Protein backbone atom coordinates (compact mmCIF):
# COMPACT_ATOMS: atom_id res chain seq x y z
CA MET A 1 0.00 -0.05 0.03
CA THR A 2 1.46 3.35 -0.83
CA SER A 3 2.27 5.77 1.79
CA TRP A 4 -0.51 8.26 0.93
CA ARG A 5 -3.16 5.76 0.91
CA PHE A 6 -1.98 4.54 4.28
CA ARG A 7 -1.99 8.03 5.70
CA TYR A 8 -5.51 8.52 4.32
CA LEU A 9 -6.72 5.37 5.91
CA ILE A 10 -5.32 6.47 9.23
CA ILE A 11 -6.86 9.88 9.06
CA LEU A 12 -10.27 8.29 8.09
CA LEU A 13 -9.97 5.98 11.17
CA LEU A 14 -9.22 8.81 13.55
CA VAL A 15 -12.16 10.87 12.17
CA SER A 16 -14.36 7.75 12.38
CA LEU A 17 -13.32 6.78 15.85
CA MET A 18 -13.74 10.39 17.17
CA GLY A 19 -17.40 10.36 15.76
CA CYS A 20 -18.74 9.32 19.05
CA THR A 21 -21.89 11.25 20.21
CA ALA A 22 -21.16 10.53 23.78
CA LEU A 23 -17.97 9.67 25.85
CA PRO A 24 -17.17 5.95 25.87
CA PHE A 25 -17.73 4.41 29.34
CA GLN A 26 -16.32 1.19 30.77
CA LEU A 27 -18.16 -1.45 32.82
CA GLY A 28 -16.03 -3.90 34.90
CA SER A 29 -12.54 -4.18 36.33
CA GLN A 30 -9.48 -2.54 34.68
CA PRO A 31 -7.20 -4.95 32.75
CA LYS A 32 -4.76 -6.24 35.19
CA THR A 33 -3.77 -9.27 37.35
CA GLY A 34 -4.60 -9.74 41.02
CA THR A 35 -7.82 -9.35 42.90
CA THR A 36 -10.71 -7.90 40.94
CA SER A 37 -13.04 -5.30 42.40
CA PRO A 38 -16.59 -6.26 43.24
CA GLU A 39 -17.55 -2.72 42.04
CA ILE A 40 -18.61 -1.75 38.60
CA GLY A 41 -17.81 1.71 37.53
CA ILE A 42 -17.89 4.27 34.79
CA THR A 43 -14.16 5.03 34.45
CA SER A 44 -14.53 7.96 31.99
CA THR A 45 -16.21 9.91 34.64
CA SER A 46 -14.29 8.49 37.61
CA THR A 47 -17.65 7.24 39.13
CA SER A 48 -17.70 3.95 40.98
CA LEU A 49 -21.25 2.36 41.40
CA ALA A 50 -22.08 -0.86 43.14
CA THR A 51 -23.87 -3.60 41.24
CA PRO A 52 -27.43 -2.89 41.54
CA PRO A 53 -29.95 -5.68 42.36
CA SER A 54 -31.24 -7.76 39.57
CA VAL A 55 -34.24 -6.31 37.66
CA THR A 56 -34.92 -9.41 35.42
CA SER A 57 -35.44 -13.10 35.81
CA GLY A 58 -33.11 -15.39 34.21
CA THR A 59 -30.03 -13.40 35.34
CA PRO A 60 -26.86 -15.47 36.21
CA GLU A 61 -25.70 -15.19 39.73
CA ALA A 62 -22.59 -12.83 40.17
CA THR A 63 -19.28 -14.80 40.65
CA ALA A 64 -17.59 -13.70 43.75
CA PRO A 65 -14.23 -12.22 43.14
CA THR A 66 -11.18 -14.47 44.31
CA ALA A 67 -7.77 -13.71 45.49
CA GLN A 68 -6.28 -15.43 42.47
CA ALA A 69 -5.12 -13.65 39.47
CA ILE A 70 -7.62 -12.91 36.95
CA GLU A 71 -6.77 -11.97 33.42
CA VAL A 72 -9.46 -9.37 32.37
CA VAL A 73 -10.51 -9.20 28.87
CA SER A 74 -12.14 -5.95 27.25
CA LEU A 75 -14.95 -6.32 25.05
CA ARG A 76 -15.70 -3.37 22.78
CA ILE A 77 -19.31 -2.56 21.96
CA TRP A 78 -20.69 0.13 19.64
CA ILE A 79 -24.23 1.24 19.79
CA PRO A 80 -26.29 4.17 18.20
CA PRO A 81 -27.42 7.14 20.04
CA GLU A 82 -30.99 6.16 20.62
CA PHE A 83 -29.71 3.19 22.85
CA ASP A 84 -27.16 5.22 24.91
CA PRO A 85 -27.05 3.50 28.35
CA GLU A 86 -26.05 6.83 29.79
CA ALA A 87 -29.15 8.74 28.74
CA GLU A 88 -31.52 9.89 31.44
CA ASN A 89 -34.53 7.67 30.88
CA ALA A 90 -35.81 4.47 32.20
CA ALA A 91 -34.88 2.43 29.12
CA SER A 92 -31.35 3.48 29.41
CA ARG A 93 -31.13 2.63 33.16
CA LEU A 94 -32.47 -0.92 32.21
CA LEU A 95 -29.88 -1.35 29.59
CA LYS A 96 -27.05 -0.05 31.84
CA THR A 97 -28.13 -2.38 34.51
CA ARG A 98 -28.22 -5.40 32.27
CA LEU A 99 -24.76 -4.69 31.18
CA ARG A 100 -23.63 -4.44 34.64
CA GLN A 101 -25.33 -7.88 35.54
CA TYR A 102 -23.32 -9.43 32.70
CA VAL A 103 -20.06 -7.91 34.13
CA ALA A 104 -20.99 -9.12 37.62
CA ALA A 105 -21.62 -12.63 36.35
CA ASN A 106 -18.38 -12.50 34.28
CA PRO A 107 -15.58 -10.90 36.46
CA ASP A 108 -12.99 -11.70 33.87
CA VAL A 109 -14.70 -9.27 31.20
CA ARG A 110 -14.69 -5.54 31.07
CA LEU A 111 -17.20 -3.78 28.75
CA ASP A 112 -15.90 -0.77 26.78
CA VAL A 113 -19.18 0.76 25.35
CA ARG A 114 -18.92 3.46 22.70
CA VAL A 115 -21.98 5.57 21.41
CA LYS A 116 -21.60 6.17 17.65
CA ALA A 117 -23.82 7.92 15.15
CA ALA A 118 -25.69 5.68 12.83
CA GLU A 119 -25.25 7.51 9.70
CA GLY A 120 -22.72 9.91 8.03
CA THR A 121 -19.01 10.42 8.43
CA GLY A 122 -17.72 8.72 11.49
CA GLY A 123 -20.83 6.72 11.84
CA LEU A 124 -21.07 3.07 12.50
CA LEU A 125 -20.56 1.78 9.01
CA ASP A 126 -17.94 4.22 8.24
CA ALA A 127 -16.01 3.39 11.33
CA LEU A 128 -16.21 -0.33 10.67
CA VAL A 129 -14.73 0.16 7.20
CA ALA A 130 -12.05 2.38 8.48
CA ALA A 131 -11.09 0.07 11.39
CA ASN A 132 -10.99 -3.01 9.32
CA ALA A 133 -8.73 -1.34 6.77
CA ALA A 134 -6.25 0.39 9.04
CA ALA A 135 -6.64 -0.71 12.62
CA PRO A 136 -8.13 -4.08 12.93
CA LEU A 137 -7.52 -3.98 16.75
CA ALA A 138 -9.94 -0.98 17.10
CA VAL A 139 -12.89 -3.14 15.60
CA PRO A 140 -15.67 -3.64 18.06
CA ASP A 141 -16.49 -7.05 19.19
CA LEU A 142 -20.18 -6.53 19.32
CA VAL A 143 -22.33 -3.77 17.58
CA LEU A 144 -25.80 -2.99 17.59
CA LEU A 145 -26.87 -2.15 14.00
CA PRO A 146 -30.18 -1.14 12.37
CA ARG A 147 -31.18 -3.50 9.48
CA PRO A 148 -29.97 -1.31 6.51
CA LEU A 149 -26.51 -0.96 8.06
CA LEU A 150 -26.47 -4.73 9.20
CA GLU A 151 -27.13 -5.78 5.53
CA SER A 152 -24.50 -3.32 4.06
CA ALA A 153 -21.73 -4.34 6.71
CA ALA A 154 -22.50 -8.03 6.21
CA LEU A 155 -22.32 -7.82 2.38
CA LYS A 156 -18.96 -5.75 2.66
CA GLY A 157 -17.57 -8.71 4.83
CA LEU A 158 -17.32 -6.68 7.96
CA LEU A 159 -19.38 -8.97 10.18
CA HIS A 160 -19.08 -12.72 11.19
CA PRO A 161 -22.10 -15.00 11.11
CA TYR A 162 -23.47 -16.52 14.21
CA ASP A 163 -24.16 -19.88 12.40
CA GLN A 164 -21.64 -22.12 14.28
CA SER A 165 -21.73 -20.23 17.65
CA THR A 166 -25.45 -20.21 18.69
CA THR A 167 -28.76 -21.87 18.17
CA ILE A 168 -30.81 -19.04 19.68
CA MET A 169 -32.44 -18.00 16.43
CA ASP A 170 -33.79 -21.62 16.09
CA ASP A 171 -36.33 -20.97 18.98
CA PRO A 172 -39.79 -20.54 17.59
CA ILE A 173 -40.54 -17.51 19.91
CA TRP A 174 -39.12 -14.95 17.46
CA PHE A 175 -41.70 -12.97 15.30
CA GLU A 176 -41.12 -13.60 11.74
CA TYR A 177 -39.90 -10.15 10.77
CA ALA A 178 -37.24 -10.62 13.67
CA ARG A 179 -36.09 -13.87 11.95
CA GLN A 180 -35.81 -12.02 8.57
CA LEU A 181 -33.82 -9.18 10.47
CA ALA A 182 -31.31 -11.70 11.69
CA HIS A 183 -30.71 -13.50 8.59
CA ILE A 184 -28.80 -12.33 5.40
CA LYS A 185 -28.09 -14.88 2.56
CA ASP A 186 -28.97 -17.86 4.63
CA SER A 187 -26.76 -16.95 7.32
CA THR A 188 -27.50 -15.49 10.91
CA TYR A 189 -25.76 -12.11 11.34
CA ALA A 190 -27.54 -10.75 14.22
CA ILE A 191 -29.55 -11.50 17.31
CA PRO A 192 -32.62 -9.22 17.25
CA PHE A 193 -32.79 -6.58 20.04
CA ALA A 194 -35.62 -4.12 19.03
CA GLY A 195 -38.34 -3.79 16.35
CA ASP A 196 -40.51 -1.21 14.70
CA ALA A 197 -43.33 -1.46 12.06
CA LEU A 198 -45.68 0.83 10.07
CA ALA A 199 -49.09 1.16 11.75
CA LEU A 200 -52.05 3.49 11.90
CA VAL A 201 -52.41 5.93 14.77
CA TYR A 202 -55.79 7.37 15.13
CA ARG A 203 -57.96 9.43 17.43
CA PRO A 204 -60.91 7.35 18.90
CA LEU A 205 -63.12 10.50 19.39
CA GLN A 206 -62.90 11.02 15.48
CA ILE A 207 -62.43 7.49 14.21
CA GLU A 208 -64.74 5.26 16.16
CA THR A 209 -63.40 1.96 14.52
CA PRO A 210 -60.02 1.84 12.94
CA PRO A 211 -60.37 1.03 9.20
CA PRO A 212 -59.02 -2.49 8.39
CA ASP A 213 -58.94 -1.76 4.57
CA LEU A 214 -58.60 1.20 2.23
CA GLU A 215 -62.19 1.21 1.24
CA ALA A 216 -63.00 1.66 4.93
CA VAL A 217 -60.54 4.51 5.03
CA LEU A 218 -62.26 6.16 2.22
CA ALA A 219 -65.71 5.70 3.93
CA THR A 220 -64.58 7.65 6.93
CA GLY A 221 -64.22 10.84 4.77
CA LYS A 222 -61.39 11.68 7.14
CA VAL A 223 -57.87 12.79 6.12
CA LEU A 224 -55.29 10.01 6.22
CA LEU A 225 -51.75 11.55 6.93
CA PHE A 226 -48.92 9.87 5.09
CA ALA A 227 -45.45 10.97 3.80
CA ALA A 228 -46.40 11.24 0.21
CA THR A 229 -42.99 12.34 -0.87
CA ASP A 230 -41.07 9.78 1.13
CA PRO A 231 -38.23 8.88 -1.15
CA GLN A 232 -38.48 5.13 -0.16
CA ALA A 233 -42.38 5.23 -0.73
CA LEU A 234 -42.83 2.78 2.17
CA PHE A 235 -46.52 3.23 2.54
CA THR A 236 -47.02 2.55 -1.22
CA LEU A 237 -44.64 -0.23 -1.15
CA CYS A 238 -46.28 -1.70 1.87
CA LEU A 239 -49.80 -1.65 0.21
CA TYR A 240 -48.19 -3.19 -3.02
CA LEU A 241 -46.58 -6.13 -1.04
CA GLY A 242 -49.63 -6.68 1.06
CA MET A 243 -51.27 -7.70 -2.40
CA ASP A 244 -48.72 -10.49 -2.84
CA ALA A 245 -47.27 -8.61 -5.70
CA GLY A 246 -43.58 -9.31 -6.49
CA LEU A 247 -40.58 -7.08 -6.69
CA GLN A 248 -38.38 -8.92 -9.05
CA ASP A 249 -38.49 -10.57 -12.37
CA GLU A 250 -37.45 -14.17 -13.08
CA GLU A 251 -33.75 -13.15 -13.30
CA GLY A 252 -33.95 -11.35 -9.85
CA ARG A 253 -34.02 -7.89 -11.40
CA PRO A 254 -36.03 -5.09 -9.78
CA ALA A 255 -39.75 -5.29 -11.34
CA ILE A 256 -43.17 -3.92 -10.65
CA GLU A 257 -46.51 -5.44 -11.49
CA VAL A 258 -48.45 -2.85 -13.39
CA THR A 259 -52.02 -4.14 -12.37
CA ALA A 260 -51.22 -4.15 -8.66
CA LEU A 261 -49.54 -0.78 -8.71
CA SER A 262 -52.48 0.75 -10.92
CA SER A 263 -55.11 -0.44 -8.37
CA ILE A 264 -53.23 1.38 -5.53
CA LEU A 265 -52.94 4.57 -7.61
CA GLU A 266 -56.58 4.41 -8.51
CA PHE A 267 -57.31 4.41 -4.82
CA ASP A 268 -55.05 7.43 -4.27
CA GLN A 269 -56.80 9.15 -6.93
CA ARG A 270 -60.47 8.38 -5.46
CA SER A 271 -59.13 9.43 -2.11
CA ASN A 272 -57.72 12.61 -3.40
CA LEU A 273 -61.07 13.56 -4.89
CA ALA A 274 -62.83 12.68 -1.51
CA GLY A 275 -60.43 14.87 0.54
CA VAL A 276 -58.97 11.72 2.16
CA MET A 277 -55.65 12.11 0.49
CA PRO A 278 -55.49 15.92 -0.36
CA TYR A 279 -52.60 17.14 -2.62
CA TRP A 280 -50.96 18.99 0.33
CA LEU A 281 -49.78 15.73 1.63
CA THR A 282 -47.00 16.11 -0.90
CA GLN A 283 -45.18 18.52 1.54
CA TYR A 284 -44.43 15.65 3.87
CA SER A 285 -41.44 13.39 3.25
CA ASN A 286 -40.63 11.61 6.47
CA ASP A 287 -42.29 10.14 9.59
CA GLY A 288 -41.15 13.20 11.99
CA GLN A 289 -43.16 15.78 9.90
CA ILE A 290 -46.34 13.38 9.80
CA TRP A 291 -46.05 12.95 13.59
CA GLU A 292 -45.62 16.67 14.33
CA THR A 293 -48.73 17.44 12.15
CA PHE A 294 -50.64 14.60 13.55
CA ILE A 295 -50.23 15.78 17.07
CA GLY A 296 -50.22 19.67 16.40
CA GLU A 297 -53.33 19.80 14.22
CA ASP A 298 -55.63 17.25 15.73
CA ALA A 299 -55.60 15.07 12.69
CA PRO A 300 -57.78 12.05 12.76
CA MET A 301 -55.40 9.28 11.66
CA ALA A 302 -51.87 8.90 10.17
CA VAL A 303 -49.65 6.05 8.84
CA THR A 304 -46.47 6.06 10.94
CA TRP A 305 -44.00 3.81 12.85
CA ALA A 306 -45.50 2.05 15.67
CA ALA A 307 -42.56 3.39 18.00
CA ALA A 308 -43.83 7.03 17.42
CA TYR A 309 -47.00 6.01 19.40
CA LEU A 310 -45.47 3.75 21.91
CA LYS A 311 -42.94 6.39 23.07
CA GLN A 312 -45.87 8.70 24.08
CA LYS A 313 -46.15 7.52 27.59
CA HIS A 314 -48.25 10.63 28.74
CA ILE A 315 -50.95 10.22 26.11
CA ALA A 316 -54.20 8.59 27.34
CA PRO A 317 -55.77 5.65 25.32
CA ALA A 318 -58.99 7.72 24.98
CA ASP A 319 -56.99 10.33 23.04
CA LEU A 320 -54.78 8.21 20.70
CA ALA A 321 -54.98 4.59 19.77
CA LEU A 322 -52.86 2.19 17.78
CA ALA A 323 -54.09 -0.12 15.06
CA PRO A 324 -52.75 -2.32 12.31
CA LEU A 325 -52.33 -0.59 9.04
CA PRO A 326 -55.14 -0.70 6.76
CA THR A 327 -54.48 -2.73 3.48
CA MET A 328 -56.01 -3.08 -0.09
CA LYS A 329 -57.51 -6.48 0.82
CA GLY A 330 -58.03 -6.07 4.39
CA THR A 331 -55.54 -8.79 5.19
CA PRO A 332 -53.11 -7.72 7.67
CA PHE A 333 -49.56 -6.98 6.41
CA THR A 334 -47.02 -4.32 7.27
CA LEU A 335 -43.32 -3.61 6.88
CA ALA A 336 -40.88 -3.62 9.85
CA THR A 337 -37.38 -2.64 10.54
CA GLY A 338 -35.29 -3.32 13.69
CA TRP A 339 -31.85 -3.56 15.17
CA GLY A 340 -29.69 -6.47 16.07
CA TRP A 341 -26.44 -7.47 17.75
CA ALA A 342 -23.85 -8.30 15.18
CA LEU A 343 -20.29 -9.92 15.65
CA ALA A 344 -17.46 -7.75 14.04
CA GLY A 345 -14.38 -8.52 16.04
CA GLN A 346 -11.22 -10.25 14.94
CA ASP A 347 -10.33 -12.33 17.96
CA PRO A 348 -11.92 -15.85 18.16
CA GLU A 349 -11.83 -15.93 22.04
CA ARG A 350 -13.46 -12.58 22.37
CA GLU A 351 -16.10 -13.54 19.89
CA LYS A 352 -17.18 -16.39 22.08
CA MET A 353 -17.69 -13.80 24.93
CA ALA A 354 -19.48 -11.37 22.55
CA VAL A 355 -21.94 -14.21 21.46
CA LYS A 356 -22.49 -14.90 25.16
CA LEU A 357 -23.39 -11.16 25.83
CA ALA A 358 -25.55 -11.01 22.73
CA GLU A 359 -27.52 -13.94 24.01
CA PHE A 360 -27.72 -12.31 27.46
CA MET A 361 -29.17 -9.17 26.03
CA ALA A 362 -31.92 -11.45 24.41
CA ASP A 363 -33.32 -12.61 27.62
CA LYS A 364 -37.31 -12.65 27.32
CA GLU A 365 -37.90 -10.77 30.72
CA PHE A 366 -35.34 -8.16 30.11
CA LEU A 367 -36.43 -7.51 26.46
CA ALA A 368 -40.04 -7.28 27.95
CA GLN A 369 -38.94 -4.60 30.34
CA TRP A 370 -36.61 -2.75 28.09
CA SER A 371 -38.93 -2.75 25.01
CA GLN A 372 -41.97 -1.36 26.92
CA ALA A 373 -39.78 1.34 28.55
CA ALA A 374 -38.03 2.26 25.20
CA GLY A 375 -41.15 2.18 23.17
CA TYR A 376 -40.05 -0.47 20.64
CA LEU A 377 -41.70 -3.71 19.40
CA PRO A 378 -40.17 -6.68 21.30
CA PRO A 379 -38.71 -9.19 18.76
CA ARG A 380 -39.94 -12.12 20.98
CA ARG A 381 -43.57 -13.14 21.54
CA ASP A 382 -42.98 -14.24 24.98
CA SER A 383 -41.43 -10.88 25.81
CA LEU A 384 -44.66 -9.21 24.48
CA GLN A 385 -46.74 -11.59 26.56
CA SER A 386 -44.82 -10.17 29.70
CA TRP A 387 -45.65 -6.51 29.13
CA GLN A 388 -47.15 -4.90 32.08
CA GLN A 389 -49.40 -2.76 29.73
CA VAL A 390 -51.69 -5.83 28.86
CA GLU A 391 -54.14 -3.62 27.13
CA TRP A 392 -51.43 -2.96 24.27
CA GLN A 393 -50.74 -6.73 23.85
CA PRO A 394 -53.41 -7.68 21.33
CA VAL A 395 -52.73 -4.77 18.78
CA ILE A 396 -49.02 -5.24 18.98
CA GLU A 397 -49.45 -8.94 18.51
CA GLN A 398 -51.56 -8.28 15.38
CA ILE A 399 -48.94 -5.70 14.06
CA SER A 400 -45.99 -7.95 14.83
CA SER A 401 -47.54 -11.15 13.52
CA SER A 402 -48.25 -9.50 10.06
CA ALA A 403 -45.06 -7.61 9.71
CA ARG A 404 -42.34 -8.57 7.19
CA MET A 405 -38.84 -7.04 7.04
CA MET A 406 -38.38 -4.14 4.59
CA PRO A 407 -36.90 -5.15 1.32
CA SER A 408 -33.12 -4.60 0.86
CA ALA A 409 -31.67 -1.00 0.84
CA GLU A 410 -30.63 -1.72 -2.77
CA MET A 411 -34.09 -2.61 -3.82
CA ILE A 412 -35.88 0.34 -2.09
CA SER A 413 -33.28 2.65 -3.63
CA SER A 414 -34.18 1.27 -7.07
CA LEU A 415 -38.12 1.34 -6.62
CA GLY A 416 -38.67 4.13 -4.03
CA PRO A 417 -38.09 7.27 -6.29
CA ALA A 418 -40.38 5.96 -9.15
CA LEU A 419 -43.18 5.02 -6.83
CA GLU A 420 -42.99 8.27 -4.98
CA GLN A 421 -43.22 10.28 -8.31
CA ALA A 422 -46.17 8.26 -9.33
CA VAL A 423 -48.06 8.98 -6.05
CA VAL A 424 -47.20 12.69 -6.24
CA ASP A 425 -48.37 12.93 -9.82
CA VAL A 426 -51.65 11.25 -8.89
CA LEU A 427 -52.20 13.57 -5.87
CA LYS A 428 -51.41 16.64 -7.82
CA SER A 429 -53.59 15.49 -10.69
CA GLN A 430 -50.67 15.68 -12.99
CA SER A 431 -51.28 12.14 -14.34
CA ASP A 432 -53.95 9.40 -14.11
CA PRO A 433 -53.34 6.21 -12.41
CA GLN A 434 -52.74 4.09 -15.59
CA ASN A 435 -50.17 6.45 -16.97
CA ALA A 436 -48.42 6.97 -13.85
CA ALA A 437 -48.07 3.21 -13.28
CA GLN A 438 -46.78 2.91 -16.77
CA ALA A 439 -44.17 5.49 -16.08
CA VAL A 440 -42.90 3.50 -12.94
CA ILE A 441 -42.80 0.19 -15.20
CA LYS A 442 -40.80 2.10 -17.85
CA GLN A 443 -38.36 3.35 -15.23
CA VAL A 444 -38.00 0.21 -13.08
CA ASN A 445 -38.62 -2.76 -15.40
CA GLN A 446 -35.39 -2.58 -17.31
CA PRO A 447 -34.80 -5.43 -19.88
């Protein structure tokens, strides 16, 4: 490797490793020989905290320190900001306690946790690429990745599969979308930690019964908020896949079925004329904008991510409610995403410990408590059954059971812009459904 390339990689690595959104913190004894301390501290802030009592069942008993020399191994963990154990909220405290419990049960392990941005320069994927190229010893042993980054990192060869190291994904308790999250090209690359899915949020005082299908949506005469200019066109894509329509031709290339798409666009046109999908929906391109409008303008219903609702702990059920996404046929279907623990380290012995930690983080009782506090869908059925808010269990079970993992990032990037444009053209009366559908076919279905 030429010297300038080496210097470039070193600079990139330093920029990436400095891209933490919070100071790293460490749990466990400092690497040394001799008697280990029974205390578990955060060394970056010089704070020493005693191990808290267990908050979950199935927690291994802490191993008492001995006077014999113990070689301490440091496991590096990278996580995105939304899962920061140092944040001031109940979910973060539960996560931090769980990590402490692992260290208490494994006194020969120290956890070096770093919070890194998910996207952009210095983000999780950039940092993984840079570390693998220039400083393999800086690669994390365990990294919590959202599905798109998980897929990209696995295909780049930055991750190691779990195939020979655990059978946890063989357990039938996982929701199907979680199984799909974990697997890439027939190998297990993640142990699921959190999920989310598209759903309908509505106001019971305005919508007495949530509509199960699009015709029922139309019959309400009420505005349905959705991100019409979402570049991924997830709502349209969800409706399309819910009709059992395919996304690929016989040779595996992106392809759209014109009949299915035309029927969706025809509904969009009728809804536009009825005021259910007005043209001004084209000003919304993301879920944040939809939620802000839904809450701020007392809108009757909106297509959004379930977590947007589950995180609103202060809202009474009489004011807002959650329901499965309405579909063309009324058959439950939705698209999901999620986060999973992935193996990225280079050391086989530390990898064994990382696998053990990932399994420890997948305990059903811990996931039940943490997911409810964090406002995410639990990837395990038995975790959902342990939620204290039992009134939420039936609808979340419906949503989770009907959810399938989003198509690959590559597929969405190929289809999303064309689908978005078709929806915009119909809502703005710039094209009829048939011509808009044909424009998508012409752009996507390349010979």
